[in-house]
């Protein structure tokens, strides 16, 4: 009888101190990853200098798709790139007239300064963004495969999965995206 109590006490201790906390942590991690955030690794330099190649970023999942605005850095699933996840900057929202003239950006006739753009191209094009869609470009315009090159340059707001949030790697660039 004493032997069973001792054995039962060790088992109870193990369950209380190890099994329950580990299971709780696993369930919480699953809930957070399913409903709140997910992590991506950026495979290209299309968003340099804002995001570098191989940066690891936590992305906040989006549930309200009515609040996207120009300048947001969003993650979406691209039908143009075989369903690959892409991270780009919103340049135009539904109803905008976007014009690129010799590498300069004009939205609804107004010149927009883009201090985050590097390696700009002498690119020209005109885009009328349909309601319910977004127009995306990369910050590193010379290397970014973005809306300028897609067959359909507009991404449905329904295809947006999240908002770029916190860069966690490399540690010397740890911080929120701007």
Protein backbone atom coordinates (compact mmCIF):
# COMPACT_ATOMS: atom_id res chain seq x y z
CA UNK A 1 0.00 0.00 0.00
CA UNK A 2 2.77 2.43 0.85
CA UNK A 3 4.49 1.56 -2.41
CA UNK A 4 1.34 2.40 -4.45
CA UNK A 5 0.90 5.78 -2.72
CA UNK A 6 4.52 6.65 -3.40
CA UNK A 7 4.19 5.62 -7.04
CA UNK A 8 0.86 7.43 -7.38
CA UNK A 9 2.35 10.57 -5.80
CA UNK A 10 5.23 10.62 -8.30
CA UNK A 11 2.83 10.16 -11.20
CA UNK A 12 0.54 12.93 -9.93
CA UNK A 13 3.52 15.23 -9.49
CA UNK A 14 4.76 14.44 -13.02
CA UNK A 15 1.31 15.12 -14.53
CA UNK A 16 0.84 18.38 -12.57
CA UNK A 17 4.34 19.72 -13.10
CA UNK A 18 5.13 18.52 -16.62
CA UNK A 19 2.26 17.10 -18.65
CA UNK A 20 -0.34 19.81 -17.94
CA UNK A 21 2.03 22.79 -18.55
CA UNK A 22 3.42 21.25 -21.75
CA UNK A 23 -0.06 20.46 -23.10
CA UNK A 24 -1.26 23.95 -22.15
CA UNK A 25 1.70 25.54 -23.98
CA UNK A 26 1.05 23.43 -27.08
CA UNK A 27 -2.65 24.32 -27.15
CA UNK A 28 -1.86 28.04 -26.67
CA UNK A 29 0.77 27.94 -29.44
CA UNK A 30 -1.72 26.27 -31.78
CA UNK A 31 -4.44 28.84 -30.97
CA UNK A 32 -2.08 31.78 -31.49
CA UNK A 33 -0.78 30.38 -34.79
CA UNK A 34 -4.28 29.55 -36.01
CA UNK A 35 -6.08 32.75 -35.08
CA UNK A 36 -3.60 35.53 -34.33
CA UNK A 37 -0.15 35.42 -35.93
CA UNK A 38 2.04 33.37 -38.22
CA UNK A 39 5.69 33.59 -39.24
CA UNK A 40 7.14 33.98 -42.72
CA UNK A 41 10.65 33.97 -44.11
CA UNK A 42 11.22 36.44 -46.95
CA UNK A 43 12.90 34.65 -49.89
CA UNK A 44 13.83 37.68 -52.04
CA UNK A 45 15.18 41.21 -51.79
CA UNK A 46 12.13 42.81 -53.39
CA UNK A 47 11.34 44.87 -50.27
CA UNK A 48 14.89 46.10 -49.49
CA UNK A 49 15.59 48.29 -47.47
CA UNK A 50 12.39 47.77 -45.44
CA UNK A 51 12.70 43.98 -45.43
CA UNK A 52 15.85 42.09 -46.37
CA UNK A 53 16.25 38.67 -47.96
CA UNK A 54 15.90 35.87 -45.36
CA UNK A 55 14.29 38.14 -42.73
CA UNK A 56 11.83 36.31 -40.50
CA UNK A 57 8.68 38.26 -39.75
CA UNK A 58 5.65 37.69 -37.54
CA UNK A 59 2.51 38.57 -39.44
CA UNK A 60 -0.70 39.62 -37.70
CA UNK A 61 -3.67 37.82 -39.25
CA UNK A 62 -6.29 40.13 -40.76
CA UNK A 63 -9.98 39.78 -40.08
CA UNK A 64 -11.23 43.28 -40.98
CA UNK A 65 -10.38 43.84 -44.63
CA UNK A 66 -12.02 47.29 -44.79
CA UNK A 67 -9.12 49.18 -43.19
CA UNK A 68 -6.26 48.70 -45.66
CA UNK A 69 -4.54 51.91 -46.66
CA UNK A 70 -1.70 53.07 -48.86
CA UNK A 71 1.67 52.27 -47.32
CA UNK A 72 0.55 49.14 -45.45
CA UNK A 73 2.87 46.15 -45.76
CA UNK A 74 0.66 43.12 -46.30
CA UNK A 75 1.06 39.39 -46.89
CA UNK A 76 -1.16 37.83 -49.53
CA UNK A 77 -1.47 34.68 -51.58
CA UNK A 78 -0.57 35.42 -55.20
CA UNK A 79 -2.42 33.63 -57.96
CA UNK A 80 0.21 35.02 -60.35
CA UNK A 81 2.99 33.22 -58.47
CA UNK A 82 1.29 29.81 -58.11
CA UNK A 83 -0.28 30.57 -54.72
CA UNK A 84 3.00 31.69 -53.16
CA UNK A 85 2.85 33.99 -50.14
CA UNK A 86 4.16 37.46 -51.01
CA UNK A 87 4.84 40.50 -48.85
CA UNK A 88 4.56 43.90 -50.58
CA UNK A 89 3.55 47.50 -49.92
CA UNK A 90 0.04 48.75 -50.77
CA UNK A 91 0.35 51.54 -53.33
CA UNK A 92 -3.26 51.86 -54.45
CA UNK A 93 -6.64 50.98 -52.94
CA UNK A 94 -9.99 50.50 -54.65
CA UNK A 95 -10.95 53.57 -56.69
CA UNK A 96 -7.40 54.96 -56.99
CA UNK A 97 -5.87 56.03 -60.30
CA UNK A 98 -2.21 55.02 -60.01
CA UNK A 99 0.30 56.40 -62.46
CA UNK A 100 4.00 55.69 -62.68
CA UNK A 101 5.82 58.25 -64.81
CA UNK A 102 9.54 57.78 -65.29
CA UNK A 103 9.72 56.00 -61.94
CA UNK A 104 7.72 58.65 -60.03
CA UNK A 105 4.42 57.73 -58.36
CA UNK A 106 1.21 59.72 -58.81
CA UNK A 107 -2.04 58.72 -57.12
CA UNK A 108 -5.21 60.46 -58.28
CA UNK A 109 -3.00 63.08 -59.96
CA UNK A 110 -0.94 63.88 -56.83
CA UNK A 111 2.80 63.14 -56.69
CA UNK A 112 3.60 60.80 -53.78
CA UNK A 113 7.03 60.81 -52.14
CA UNK A 114 8.35 57.32 -51.44
CA UNK A 115 11.40 57.58 -49.15
CA UNK A 116 11.40 53.78 -48.70
CA UNK A 117 12.03 53.08 -52.42
CA UNK A 118 15.53 52.11 -53.54
CA UNK A 119 16.83 51.14 -56.96
CA UNK A 120 13.93 52.83 -58.68
CA UNK A 121 13.33 52.07 -62.33
CA UNK A 122 12.45 54.49 -65.07
CA UNK A 123 9.11 52.67 -65.38
CA UNK A 124 5.85 54.12 -66.67
CA UNK A 125 2.33 52.71 -66.47
CA UNK A 126 -1.25 53.60 -65.56
CA UNK A 127 -3.58 51.54 -63.36
CA UNK A 128 -7.17 52.06 -62.24
CA UNK A 129 -7.61 50.01 -59.07
CA UNK A 130 -11.06 48.31 -58.95
CA UNK A 131 -13.09 48.42 -55.75
CA UNK A 132 -12.35 45.47 -53.47
CA UNK A 133 -8.78 45.15 -54.74
CA UNK A 134 -5.31 46.50 -53.93
CA UNK A 135 -2.30 47.46 -56.05
CA UNK A 136 1.07 46.33 -54.65
CA UNK A 137 4.69 47.23 -55.42
CA UNK A 138 7.95 46.20 -53.79
CA UNK A 139 10.24 48.83 -52.25
CA UNK A 140 13.23 47.60 -54.27
CA UNK A 141 11.67 48.42 -57.64
CA UNK A 142 14.58 47.16 -59.76
CA UNK A 143 14.28 43.57 -58.46
CA UNK A 144 10.64 43.34 -57.36
CA UNK A 145 8.32 41.12 -59.36
CA UNK A 146 5.15 42.97 -58.48
CA UNK A 147 1.90 44.34 -59.98
CA UNK A 148 3.79 46.00 -62.84
CA UNK A 149 4.57 42.55 -64.26
CA UNK A 150 1.52 40.50 -63.30
CA UNK A 151 -1.12 39.56 -65.86
CA UNK A 152 -3.74 40.82 -63.39
CA UNK A 153 -2.10 43.64 -61.37
CA UNK A 154 -4.83 43.77 -58.72
CA UNK A 155 -5.08 41.57 -55.63
CA UNK A 156 -8.47 40.97 -54.04
CA UNK A 157 -8.68 42.11 -50.43
CA UNK A 158 -9.97 38.58 -49.73
CA UNK A 159 -6.53 37.18 -50.68
CA UNK A 160 -4.78 39.23 -47.97
CA UNK A 161 -3.79 37.03 -45.04
CA UNK A 162 -2.06 39.45 -42.73
CA UNK A 163 -0.25 42.66 -41.94
CA UNK A 164 3.54 42.63 -41.72
CA UNK A 165 4.40 43.20 -38.10
CA UNK A 166 7.50 42.27 -36.18
CA UNK A 167 10.86 41.31 -37.68
CA UNK A 168 12.39 38.73 -35.35
CA UNK A 169 15.45 37.75 -37.36
CA UNK A 170 18.16 38.82 -37.80
CA UNK A 171 18.33 40.09 -34.24
CA UNK A 172 20.27 43.25 -35.19
CA UNK A 173 17.19 44.35 -37.20
CA UNK A 174 14.63 43.28 -34.59
CA UNK A 175 11.61 45.60 -34.58
CA UNK A 176 8.33 46.57 -36.14
CA UNK A 177 8.07 47.19 -39.90
CA UNK A 178 7.43 50.72 -41.12
